[in-house]
């Protein structure tokens, strides 16, 4: 595909298995994207479920110059004492005009990289993000909402919002695909409407 987009999914040990599925599968199946898995040192990691993931490559910026977007998947280790440093990768993708997203504790990587300084964003709660990254640049841009927030090409979501994270991320990556995204939104909403 001549206009195929490549999305990097950044996983670390203890990644949240439910946070990337809708985005990854939807991007590949419905939009023809290419998904690549990244870990900080190109070594396998284990998710909360116990599933092991063998990455396609490391998260080094110079190994990922082909990325049109990167999604940082949550893990409690992002909030730990020595979280991986993803700033170079994230700022590299952002500087090329790519989409950079974070969900759940993955939003901490975006905060540490300074990507929220001029972008509205959300996370697992205002108190939560400030407890882990006090005084981060752009803390005044925090939006206290239960769904994903996209501001330009910066996308963020609480861990409880993988559906709106997928939609907001894909909208930022494929702004001309409104009809397809509307169908996706309708499909997701139907599940919740019929279950309530």
N, C-alpha and C. Protein backbone atom coordinates (compact mmCIF):
# COMPACT_ATOMS: atom_id res chain seq x y z
N UNK A 1 0.85 -1.19 0.00
CA UNK A 1 0.00 0.00 0.00
C UNK A 1 0.89 1.24 0.00
N UNK A 2 0.73 2.12 -0.99
CA UNK A 2 1.61 3.28 -1.09
C UNK A 2 1.49 4.25 0.08
N UNK A 3 0.31 4.37 0.67
CA UNK A 3 0.15 5.32 1.78
C UNK A 3 -0.02 4.58 3.12
N UNK A 4 0.52 3.38 3.20
CA UNK A 4 0.41 2.60 4.43
C UNK A 4 1.14 3.29 5.57
N UNK A 5 0.46 3.43 6.69
CA UNK A 5 1.03 4.04 7.89
C UNK A 5 1.64 2.95 8.77
N UNK A 6 2.74 3.29 9.42
CA UNK A 6 3.38 2.36 10.36
C UNK A 6 3.23 2.89 11.77
N UNK A 7 2.67 2.06 12.64
CA UNK A 7 2.44 2.43 14.04
C UNK A 7 3.30 1.56 14.93
N UNK A 8 4.08 2.19 15.79
CA UNK A 8 4.85 1.47 16.79
C UNK A 8 4.06 1.39 18.09
N UNK A 9 4.02 0.22 18.68
CA UNK A 9 3.38 0.02 19.98
C UNK A 9 4.48 -0.25 20.99
N UNK A 10 4.64 0.64 21.94
CA UNK A 10 5.71 0.52 22.93
C UNK A 10 5.20 -0.22 24.17
N UNK A 11 5.80 -1.39 24.40
CA UNK A 11 5.44 -2.25 25.53
C UNK A 11 6.62 -2.33 26.50
N UNK A 12 6.30 -2.37 27.78
CA UNK A 12 7.31 -2.65 28.80
C UNK A 12 6.78 -3.77 29.68
N UNK A 13 7.63 -4.28 30.56
CA UNK A 13 7.23 -5.38 31.44
C UNK A 13 5.96 -5.02 32.20
N UNK A 14 5.02 -5.97 32.26
CA UNK A 14 3.76 -5.76 32.98
C UNK A 14 2.76 -4.94 32.19
N UNK A 15 2.88 -4.94 30.86
CA UNK A 15 1.97 -4.12 30.05
C UNK A 15 0.52 -4.58 30.23
N UNK A 16 -0.38 -3.62 30.06
CA UNK A 16 -1.82 -3.87 30.23
C UNK A 16 -2.38 -4.43 28.92
N UNK A 17 -2.71 -5.70 28.93
CA UNK A 17 -3.12 -6.40 27.71
C UNK A 17 -4.35 -5.81 27.02
N UNK A 18 -5.26 -5.21 27.76
CA UNK A 18 -6.51 -4.71 27.18
C UNK A 18 -6.36 -3.34 26.50
N UNK A 19 -5.22 -2.71 26.63
CA UNK A 19 -5.12 -1.32 26.19
C UNK A 19 -4.73 -1.13 24.73
N UNK A 20 -4.22 -2.14 24.07
CA UNK A 20 -3.75 -1.96 22.69
C UNK A 20 -4.55 -2.73 21.65
N UNK A 21 -5.35 -3.70 22.06
CA UNK A 21 -6.03 -4.59 21.12
C UNK A 21 -6.92 -3.90 20.11
N UNK A 22 -7.81 -3.05 20.58
CA UNK A 22 -8.72 -2.37 19.66
C UNK A 22 -7.96 -1.47 18.69
N UNK A 23 -6.98 -0.76 19.18
CA UNK A 23 -6.21 0.12 18.31
C UNK A 23 -5.40 -0.68 17.30
N UNK A 24 -4.64 -1.66 17.76
CA UNK A 24 -3.80 -2.42 16.85
C UNK A 24 -4.59 -3.16 15.80
N UNK A 25 -5.59 -3.90 16.22
CA UNK A 25 -6.37 -4.69 15.27
C UNK A 25 -7.16 -3.81 14.31
N UNK A 26 -7.76 -2.75 14.81
CA UNK A 26 -8.53 -1.85 13.95
C UNK A 26 -7.64 -1.15 12.93
N UNK A 27 -6.47 -0.71 13.36
CA UNK A 27 -5.55 -0.01 12.46
C UNK A 27 -5.13 -0.91 11.31
N UNK A 28 -4.83 -2.17 11.62
CA UNK A 28 -4.36 -3.10 10.60
C UNK A 28 -5.51 -3.58 9.72
N UNK A 29 -6.59 -4.05 10.35
CA UNK A 29 -7.69 -4.66 9.61
C UNK A 29 -8.51 -3.65 8.81
N UNK A 30 -8.83 -2.50 9.41
CA UNK A 30 -9.74 -1.56 8.75
C UNK A 30 -9.02 -0.46 7.98
N UNK A 31 -7.79 -0.14 8.37
CA UNK A 31 -7.10 0.98 7.74
C UNK A 31 -5.83 0.58 7.00
N UNK A 32 -5.49 -0.70 7.05
CA UNK A 32 -4.33 -1.18 6.31
C UNK A 32 -2.99 -0.75 6.87
N UNK A 33 -2.96 -0.38 8.14
CA UNK A 33 -1.71 0.05 8.77
C UNK A 33 -0.78 -1.15 8.98
N UNK A 34 0.44 -0.84 9.25
CA UNK A 34 1.44 -1.84 9.64
C UNK A 34 1.75 -1.58 11.12
N UNK A 35 1.59 -2.58 11.96
CA UNK A 35 1.85 -2.44 13.39
C UNK A 35 3.17 -3.14 13.73
N UNK A 36 4.01 -2.45 14.49
CA UNK A 36 5.26 -3.05 14.95
C UNK A 36 5.33 -2.92 16.47
N UNK A 37 5.82 -3.98 17.10
CA UNK A 37 5.94 -3.96 18.56
C UNK A 37 7.35 -3.55 18.94
N UNK A 38 7.44 -2.71 19.95
CA UNK A 38 8.71 -2.17 20.44
C UNK A 38 8.84 -2.44 21.93
N UNK A 39 10.04 -2.74 22.36
CA UNK A 39 10.36 -2.74 23.79
C UNK A 39 11.65 -1.94 23.95
N UNK A 40 11.90 -1.40 25.13
CA UNK A 40 13.06 -0.52 25.29
C UNK A 40 14.38 -1.13 24.80
N UNK A 41 14.59 -2.43 25.08
CA UNK A 41 15.88 -3.03 24.72
C UNK A 41 15.73 -4.20 23.75
N UNK A 42 14.60 -4.29 23.07
CA UNK A 42 14.32 -5.34 22.09
C UNK A 42 14.28 -6.73 22.72
N UNK A 43 13.95 -6.80 24.01
CA UNK A 43 13.83 -8.09 24.69
C UNK A 43 12.35 -8.38 24.96
N UNK A 44 11.96 -9.66 25.03
CA UNK A 44 10.57 -9.99 25.31
C UNK A 44 10.10 -9.43 26.65
N UNK A 45 8.82 -9.13 26.72
CA UNK A 45 8.19 -8.66 27.96
C UNK A 45 6.93 -9.47 28.19
N UNK A 46 6.46 -9.46 29.43
CA UNK A 46 5.28 -10.22 29.81
C UNK A 46 4.18 -9.27 30.25
N UNK A 47 2.97 -9.48 29.75
CA UNK A 47 1.83 -8.66 30.11
C UNK A 47 1.22 -9.08 31.43
N UNK A 48 0.24 -8.33 31.87
CA UNK A 48 -0.46 -8.64 33.11
C UNK A 48 -1.07 -10.04 33.05
N UNK A 49 -1.53 -10.44 31.87
CA UNK A 49 -2.16 -11.75 31.70
C UNK A 49 -1.17 -12.90 31.80
N UNK A 50 0.12 -12.60 31.69
CA UNK A 50 1.15 -13.64 31.64
C UNK A 50 1.57 -13.96 30.22
N UNK A 51 0.92 -13.37 29.22
CA UNK A 51 1.32 -13.58 27.83
C UNK A 51 2.65 -12.89 27.58
N UNK A 52 3.54 -13.60 26.87
CA UNK A 52 4.85 -13.02 26.53
C UNK A 52 4.81 -12.43 25.13
N UNK A 53 5.42 -11.29 24.99
CA UNK A 53 5.47 -10.60 23.71
C UNK A 53 6.92 -10.50 23.26
N UNK A 54 7.22 -11.00 22.08
CA UNK A 54 8.55 -10.87 21.49
C UNK A 54 8.49 -9.68 20.53
N UNK A 55 9.24 -8.62 20.79
CA UNK A 55 9.12 -7.41 19.99
C UNK A 55 9.75 -7.53 18.60
N UNK A 56 9.30 -6.66 17.72
CA UNK A 56 9.89 -6.56 16.38
C UNK A 56 11.23 -5.84 16.42
N UNK A 57 11.35 -4.87 17.36
CA UNK A 57 12.58 -4.09 17.44
C UNK A 57 12.63 -3.31 18.75
N UNK A 58 13.73 -2.61 18.96
CA UNK A 58 13.86 -1.81 20.17
C UNK A 58 13.13 -0.48 20.01
N UNK A 59 13.12 0.28 21.07
CA UNK A 59 12.47 1.59 21.06
C UNK A 59 13.46 2.72 20.80
N UNK A 60 14.65 2.41 20.30
CA UNK A 60 15.62 3.46 19.99
C UNK A 60 15.10 4.30 18.83
N UNK A 61 15.26 5.60 18.94
CA UNK A 61 14.74 6.51 17.92
C UNK A 61 15.30 6.21 16.54
N UNK A 62 16.59 5.89 16.45
CA UNK A 62 17.21 5.68 15.14
C UNK A 62 16.78 4.37 14.48
N UNK A 63 16.14 3.48 15.23
CA UNK A 63 15.61 2.25 14.65
C UNK A 63 14.16 2.42 14.21
N UNK A 64 13.59 3.59 14.46
CA UNK A 64 12.16 3.80 14.24
C UNK A 64 11.86 5.04 13.42
N UNK A 65 12.73 5.34 12.48
CA UNK A 65 12.51 6.54 11.66
C UNK A 65 11.37 6.36 10.67
N UNK A 66 10.90 5.12 10.53
CA UNK A 66 9.78 4.86 9.62
C UNK A 66 8.41 5.02 10.29
N UNK A 67 8.38 5.26 11.59
CA UNK A 67 7.09 5.33 12.29
C UNK A 67 6.33 6.60 11.95
N UNK A 68 5.04 6.41 11.64
CA UNK A 68 4.12 7.53 11.45
C UNK A 68 3.42 7.86 12.77
N UNK A 69 3.49 6.92 13.71
CA UNK A 69 2.80 7.08 14.99
C UNK A 69 3.40 6.12 16.00
N UNK A 70 3.23 6.45 17.27
CA UNK A 70 3.65 5.55 18.34
C UNK A 70 2.62 5.62 19.46
N UNK A 71 2.28 4.44 19.99
CA UNK A 71 1.34 4.34 21.10
C UNK A 71 2.06 3.71 22.29
N UNK A 72 2.06 4.42 23.41
CA UNK A 72 2.71 3.93 24.63
C UNK A 72 1.65 3.22 25.47
N UNK A 73 1.84 1.92 25.65
CA UNK A 73 0.87 1.09 26.37
C UNK A 73 1.22 1.09 27.86
N UNK A 74 0.19 1.17 28.68
CA UNK A 74 0.38 1.29 30.12
C UNK A 74 0.99 0.07 30.78
N UNK A 75 1.64 0.31 31.90
CA UNK A 75 2.22 -0.69 32.79
C UNK A 75 2.51 0.01 34.10
N UNK A 76 2.38 -0.70 35.21
CA UNK A 76 2.71 -0.09 36.50
C UNK A 76 4.16 0.37 36.56
N UNK A 77 5.02 -0.21 35.72
CA UNK A 77 6.42 0.19 35.75
C UNK A 77 6.66 1.61 35.24
N UNK A 78 5.74 2.16 34.45
CA UNK A 78 5.88 3.57 34.05
C UNK A 78 5.80 4.46 35.29
N UNK A 79 5.08 4.00 36.32
CA UNK A 79 4.94 4.77 37.56
C UNK A 79 5.93 4.32 38.63
N UNK A 80 6.84 3.43 38.29
CA UNK A 80 7.81 2.91 39.24
C UNK A 80 8.99 3.85 39.46
N UNK A 81 9.95 3.37 40.24
CA UNK A 81 11.10 4.21 40.60
C UNK A 81 12.06 4.44 39.45
N UNK A 82 12.20 3.47 38.55
CA UNK A 82 13.13 3.62 37.43
C UNK A 82 12.44 3.25 36.12
N UNK A 83 11.51 4.08 35.66
CA UNK A 83 10.80 3.77 34.41
C UNK A 83 11.73 3.94 33.21
N UNK A 84 11.45 3.23 32.13
CA UNK A 84 12.25 3.42 30.93
C UNK A 84 12.13 4.87 30.44
N UNK A 85 13.14 5.32 29.74
CA UNK A 85 13.13 6.68 29.16
C UNK A 85 12.77 6.56 27.69
N UNK A 86 11.57 6.98 27.34
CA UNK A 86 11.09 6.90 25.96
C UNK A 86 11.09 8.26 25.28
N UNK A 87 11.62 9.28 25.94
CA UNK A 87 11.51 10.66 25.44
C UNK A 87 12.09 10.84 24.04
N UNK A 88 13.25 10.25 23.78
CA UNK A 88 13.88 10.45 22.47
C UNK A 88 12.99 9.88 21.35
N UNK A 89 12.45 8.69 21.55
CA UNK A 89 11.56 8.10 20.55
C UNK A 89 10.32 8.98 20.35
N UNK A 90 9.68 9.36 21.45
CA UNK A 90 8.42 10.10 21.36
C UNK A 90 8.61 11.47 20.72
N UNK A 91 9.65 12.18 21.11
CA UNK A 91 9.87 13.51 20.53
C UNK A 91 10.32 13.41 19.08
N UNK A 92 11.00 12.33 18.73
CA UNK A 92 11.40 12.12 17.34
C UNK A 92 10.18 11.93 16.45
N UNK A 93 9.25 11.09 16.87
CA UNK A 93 8.03 10.86 16.09
C UNK A 93 7.22 12.16 16.02
N UNK A 94 7.08 12.85 17.16
CA UNK A 94 6.31 14.10 17.19
C UNK A 94 6.94 15.16 16.29
N UNK A 95 8.26 15.26 16.27
CA UNK A 95 8.94 16.28 15.47
C UNK A 95 8.76 16.06 13.97
N UNK A 96 8.46 14.82 13.57
CA UNK A 96 8.20 14.51 12.17
C UNK A 96 6.73 14.69 11.82
N UNK A 97 5.93 15.15 12.77
CA UNK A 97 4.50 15.33 12.53
C UNK A 97 3.69 14.07 12.76
N UNK A 98 4.29 13.08 13.44
CA UNK A 98 3.59 11.83 13.71
C UNK A 98 2.67 11.94 14.91
N UNK A 99 1.80 10.97 15.02
CA UNK A 99 0.88 10.88 16.16
C UNK A 99 1.60 10.19 17.31
N UNK A 100 1.46 10.75 18.51
CA UNK A 100 2.04 10.16 19.72
C UNK A 100 0.91 10.02 20.73
N UNK A 101 0.69 8.79 21.18
CA UNK A 101 -0.38 8.55 22.13
C UNK A 101 0.10 7.76 23.33
N UNK A 102 -0.59 7.96 24.44
CA UNK A 102 -0.31 7.21 25.65
C UNK A 102 -1.61 6.89 26.35
N UNK A 103 -1.70 5.68 26.88
CA UNK A 103 -2.89 5.27 27.62
C UNK A 103 -2.47 4.81 29.00
N UNK A 104 -3.28 5.15 29.99
CA UNK A 104 -3.06 4.75 31.37
C UNK A 104 -1.69 5.27 31.83
N UNK A 105 -0.87 4.45 32.44
CA UNK A 105 0.43 4.91 32.92
C UNK A 105 1.37 5.26 31.77
N UNK A 106 1.05 4.85 30.55
CA UNK A 106 1.83 5.26 29.39
C UNK A 106 1.80 6.77 29.18
N UNK A 107 0.79 7.44 29.75
CA UNK A 107 0.73 8.90 29.64
C UNK A 107 1.89 9.56 30.38
N UNK A 108 2.45 8.86 31.37
CA UNK A 108 3.59 9.42 32.10
C UNK A 108 4.79 9.60 31.19
N UNK A 109 4.97 8.69 30.24
CA UNK A 109 6.08 8.82 29.29
C UNK A 109 5.92 10.08 28.45
N UNK A 110 4.69 10.40 28.06
CA UNK A 110 4.44 11.62 27.29
C UNK A 110 4.69 12.86 28.15
N UNK A 111 4.25 12.80 29.41
CA UNK A 111 4.48 13.93 30.32
C UNK A 111 5.98 14.17 30.50
N UNK A 112 6.73 13.10 30.71
CA UNK A 112 8.18 13.22 30.91
C UNK A 112 8.90 13.74 29.68
N UNK A 113 8.34 13.46 28.50
CA UNK A 113 8.94 13.93 27.25
C UNK A 113 8.54 15.37 26.93
N UNK A 114 7.69 15.97 27.76
CA UNK A 114 7.26 17.35 27.54
C UNK A 114 6.18 17.52 26.49
N UNK A 115 5.54 16.43 26.09
CA UNK A 115 4.56 16.52 25.01
C UNK A 115 3.21 17.08 25.43
N UNK A 116 2.99 17.21 26.73
CA UNK A 116 1.73 17.80 27.21
C UNK A 116 1.85 19.30 27.46
N UNK A 117 3.03 19.85 27.25
CA UNK A 117 3.25 21.27 27.55
C UNK A 117 2.25 22.17 26.84
N UNK A 118 1.94 21.87 25.60
CA UNK A 118 1.00 22.69 24.83
C UNK A 118 -0.17 21.89 24.32
N UNK A 119 -0.51 20.79 24.97
CA UNK A 119 -1.58 19.93 24.50
C UNK A 119 -2.55 19.56 25.62
N UNK A 120 -3.84 19.69 25.32
CA UNK A 120 -4.85 19.18 26.25
C UNK A 120 -4.65 17.67 26.32
N UNK A 121 -4.84 17.12 27.51
CA UNK A 121 -4.60 15.69 27.69
C UNK A 121 -5.35 15.18 28.91
N UNK A 122 -5.35 13.87 29.06
CA UNK A 122 -5.95 13.23 30.23
C UNK A 122 -5.08 12.06 30.65
N UNK A 123 -5.47 11.40 31.72
CA UNK A 123 -4.75 10.24 32.23
C UNK A 123 -5.68 9.53 33.20
N UNK A 124 -5.12 8.92 34.21
CA UNK A 124 -5.91 8.19 35.19
C UNK A 124 -6.44 9.07 36.31
N UNK A 125 -6.43 10.35 36.13
CA UNK A 125 -6.88 11.31 37.12
C UNK A 125 -5.83 12.38 37.36
N UNK A 126 -6.28 13.60 37.62
CA UNK A 126 -5.36 14.72 37.85
C UNK A 126 -4.43 14.43 39.03
N UNK A 127 -4.99 13.95 40.13
CA UNK A 127 -4.16 13.65 41.30
C UNK A 127 -3.18 12.52 40.99
N UNK A 128 -3.62 11.53 40.23
CA UNK A 128 -2.77 10.38 39.90
C UNK A 128 -1.55 10.82 39.10
N UNK A 129 -1.75 11.56 38.03
CA UNK A 129 -0.62 11.95 37.19
C UNK A 129 0.32 12.89 37.95
N UNK A 130 -0.23 13.78 38.76
CA UNK A 130 0.62 14.69 39.53
C UNK A 130 1.36 13.98 40.66
N UNK A 131 0.80 12.91 41.17
CA UNK A 131 1.49 12.12 42.20
C UNK A 131 2.74 11.46 41.61
N UNK A 132 2.66 11.08 40.35
CA UNK A 132 3.78 10.38 39.72
C UNK A 132 4.71 11.29 38.94
N UNK A 133 4.24 12.45 38.54
CA UNK A 133 5.07 13.36 37.75
C UNK A 133 4.70 14.80 38.13
N UNK A 134 4.97 15.13 39.39
CA UNK A 134 4.58 16.43 39.94
C UNK A 134 5.19 17.59 39.15
N UNK A 135 4.34 18.56 38.84
CA UNK A 135 4.81 19.77 38.18
C UNK A 135 5.23 19.57 36.74
N UNK A 136 4.75 18.53 36.07
CA UNK A 136 5.14 18.30 34.68
C UNK A 136 4.67 19.46 33.79
N UNK A 137 5.39 19.69 32.72
CA UNK A 137 5.05 20.79 31.81
C UNK A 137 3.69 20.54 31.18
N UNK A 138 2.79 21.49 31.37
CA UNK A 138 1.46 21.39 30.79
C UNK A 138 0.41 20.84 31.73
N UNK A 139 0.73 20.72 33.02
CA UNK A 139 -0.26 20.16 33.94
C UNK A 139 -1.56 20.96 33.97
N UNK A 140 -1.48 22.23 33.59
CA UNK A 140 -2.68 23.07 33.53
C UNK A 140 -3.57 22.72 32.32
N UNK A 141 -3.08 21.89 31.41
CA UNK A 141 -3.87 21.47 30.25
C UNK A 141 -4.63 20.17 30.50
N UNK A 142 -4.57 19.69 31.74
CA UNK A 142 -5.22 18.41 32.06
C UNK A 142 -6.73 18.52 31.93
N UNK A 143 -7.34 17.52 31.30
CA UNK A 143 -8.79 17.44 31.14
C UNK A 143 -9.30 16.28 32.00
N UNK A 144 -10.17 16.57 32.93
CA UNK A 144 -10.66 15.54 33.85
C UNK A 144 -11.89 14.87 33.24
N UNK A 145 -11.65 13.95 32.30
CA UNK A 145 -12.71 13.25 31.59
C UNK A 145 -12.42 11.75 31.58
N UNK A 146 -13.46 10.91 31.40
CA UNK A 146 -13.26 9.46 31.43
C UNK A 146 -12.95 8.85 30.06
N UNK A 147 -12.72 9.66 29.06
CA UNK A 147 -12.48 9.18 27.70
C UNK A 147 -11.18 9.77 27.17
N UNK A 148 -10.76 9.30 26.00
CA UNK A 148 -9.54 9.80 25.39
C UNK A 148 -9.67 11.27 25.01
N UNK A 149 -8.53 11.94 24.98
CA UNK A 149 -8.44 13.34 24.56
C UNK A 149 -7.37 13.42 23.47
N UNK A 150 -7.72 14.07 22.37
CA UNK A 150 -6.75 14.31 21.30
C UNK A 150 -6.61 15.80 21.12
N UNK A 151 -5.39 16.27 21.08
CA UNK A 151 -5.10 17.67 20.81
C UNK A 151 -4.05 17.68 19.69
N UNK A 152 -4.51 17.92 18.48
CA UNK A 152 -3.62 17.80 17.35
C UNK A 152 -3.22 16.34 17.20
N UNK A 153 -1.94 16.09 17.28
CA UNK A 153 -1.45 14.72 17.10
C UNK A 153 -0.98 14.09 18.41
N UNK A 154 -1.38 14.68 19.53
CA UNK A 154 -1.10 14.12 20.85
C UNK A 154 -2.40 13.53 21.39
N UNK A 155 -2.37 12.24 21.72
CA UNK A 155 -3.57 11.52 22.16
C UNK A 155 -3.28 10.88 23.51
N UNK A 156 -4.24 10.98 24.42
CA UNK A 156 -4.06 10.40 25.75
C UNK A 156 -5.39 9.83 26.24
N UNK A 157 -5.29 8.87 27.15
CA UNK A 157 -6.51 8.24 27.68
C UNK A 157 -6.23 7.59 29.01
N UNK A 158 -7.26 7.49 29.86
CA UNK A 158 -7.12 6.68 31.06
C UNK A 158 -7.13 5.20 30.66
N UNK A 159 -6.67 4.35 31.53
CA UNK A 159 -6.62 2.93 31.24
C UNK A 159 -7.97 2.29 31.03
N UNK A 160 -9.02 2.95 31.49
CA UNK A 160 -10.38 2.42 31.35
C UNK A 160 -11.01 2.79 30.01
N UNK A 161 -10.25 3.40 29.09
CA UNK A 161 -10.84 3.91 27.85
C UNK A 161 -10.11 3.43 26.59
N UNK A 162 -9.90 2.12 26.42
CA UNK A 162 -9.22 1.67 25.21
C UNK A 162 -10.01 1.91 23.93
N UNK A 163 -11.34 1.94 24.02
CA UNK A 163 -12.16 2.19 22.84
C UNK A 163 -12.01 3.60 22.31
N UNK A 164 -12.15 4.58 23.19
CA UNK A 164 -12.01 5.96 22.72
C UNK A 164 -10.56 6.29 22.42
N UNK A 165 -9.61 5.59 23.06
CA UNK A 165 -8.21 5.78 22.71
C UNK A 165 -7.97 5.34 21.27
N UNK A 166 -8.49 4.17 20.90
CA UNK A 166 -8.35 3.69 19.52
C UNK A 166 -8.96 4.67 18.54
N UNK A 167 -10.16 5.13 18.83
CA UNK A 167 -10.84 6.06 17.92
C UNK A 167 -10.10 7.38 17.79
N UNK A 168 -9.70 7.97 18.90
CA UNK A 168 -9.02 9.26 18.86
C UNK A 168 -7.66 9.15 18.17
N UNK A 169 -6.95 8.06 18.43
CA UNK A 169 -5.64 7.84 17.82
C UNK A 169 -5.78 7.70 16.30
N UNK A 170 -6.74 6.89 15.87
CA UNK A 170 -6.95 6.68 14.44
C UNK A 170 -7.47 7.93 13.75
N UNK A 171 -8.29 8.72 14.44
CA UNK A 171 -8.76 9.99 13.88
C UNK A 171 -7.57 10.93 13.65
N UNK A 172 -6.63 10.97 14.58
CA UNK A 172 -5.45 11.82 14.43
C UNK A 172 -4.55 11.32 13.30
N UNK A 173 -4.48 10.01 13.13
CA UNK A 173 -3.61 9.42 12.10
C UNK A 173 -4.25 9.44 10.72
N UNK A 174 -5.57 9.29 10.68
CA UNK A 174 -6.31 9.24 9.41
C UNK A 174 -7.43 10.29 9.40
N UNK A 175 -7.08 11.57 9.37
CA UNK A 175 -8.12 12.60 9.45
C UNK A 175 -9.10 12.58 8.28
N UNK A 176 -8.73 12.01 7.16
CA UNK A 176 -9.61 11.97 6.00
C UNK A 176 -10.53 10.76 5.97
N UNK A 177 -10.51 9.95 7.01
CA UNK A 177 -11.30 8.71 7.03
C UNK A 177 -12.49 8.82 7.99
N UNK A 178 -13.14 9.97 8.00
CA UNK A 178 -14.24 10.20 8.94
C UNK A 178 -15.35 9.19 8.85
N UNK A 179 -15.72 8.77 7.64
CA UNK A 179 -16.79 7.80 7.47
C UNK A 179 -16.45 6.46 8.10
N UNK A 180 -15.25 5.99 7.86
CA UNK A 180 -14.82 4.71 8.45
C UNK A 180 -14.77 4.80 9.97
N UNK A 181 -14.29 5.93 10.47
CA UNK A 181 -14.21 6.11 11.92
C UNK A 181 -15.60 6.20 12.54
N UNK A 182 -16.55 6.80 11.83
CA UNK A 182 -17.92 6.88 12.32
C UNK A 182 -18.52 5.48 12.42
N UNK A 183 -18.23 4.62 11.45
CA UNK A 183 -18.72 3.23 11.50
C UNK A 183 -18.10 2.50 12.69
N UNK A 184 -16.83 2.74 12.92
CA UNK A 184 -16.16 2.12 14.05
C UNK A 184 -16.79 2.56 15.37
N UNK A 185 -17.02 3.87 15.48
CA UNK A 185 -17.64 4.41 16.70
C UNK A 185 -19.01 3.79 16.94
N UNK A 186 -19.81 3.67 15.87
CA UNK A 186 -21.14 3.08 15.98
C UNK A 186 -21.06 1.64 16.43
N UNK A 187 -20.12 0.90 15.89
CA UNK A 187 -19.94 -0.49 16.28
C UNK A 187 -19.60 -0.61 17.76
N UNK A 188 -18.67 0.21 18.22
CA UNK A 188 -18.28 0.18 19.63
C UNK A 188 -19.45 0.58 20.54
N UNK A 189 -20.17 1.63 20.14
CA UNK A 189 -21.26 2.14 20.97
C UNK A 189 -22.40 1.13 21.08
N UNK A 190 -22.62 0.36 20.02
CA UNK A 190 -23.72 -0.60 20.02
C UNK A 190 -23.55 -1.63 21.14
N UNK A 191 -22.33 -2.05 21.38
CA UNK A 191 -22.09 -3.02 22.47
C UNK A 191 -22.57 -2.47 23.79
N UNK A 192 -22.20 -1.23 24.09
CA UNK A 192 -22.55 -0.64 25.39
C UNK A 192 -24.03 -0.29 25.48
N UNK A 193 -24.60 0.16 24.36
CA UNK A 193 -26.03 0.51 24.36
C UNK A 193 -26.89 -0.71 24.64
N UNK A 194 -26.53 -1.82 24.05
CA UNK A 194 -27.35 -3.04 24.22
C UNK A 194 -27.09 -3.71 25.57
N UNK A 195 -25.95 -3.45 26.16
CA UNK A 195 -25.63 -4.08 27.45
C UNK A 195 -26.19 -3.29 28.63
N UNK A 196 -26.55 -2.02 28.43
CA UNK A 196 -27.01 -1.21 29.57
C UNK A 196 -28.49 -1.23 29.75
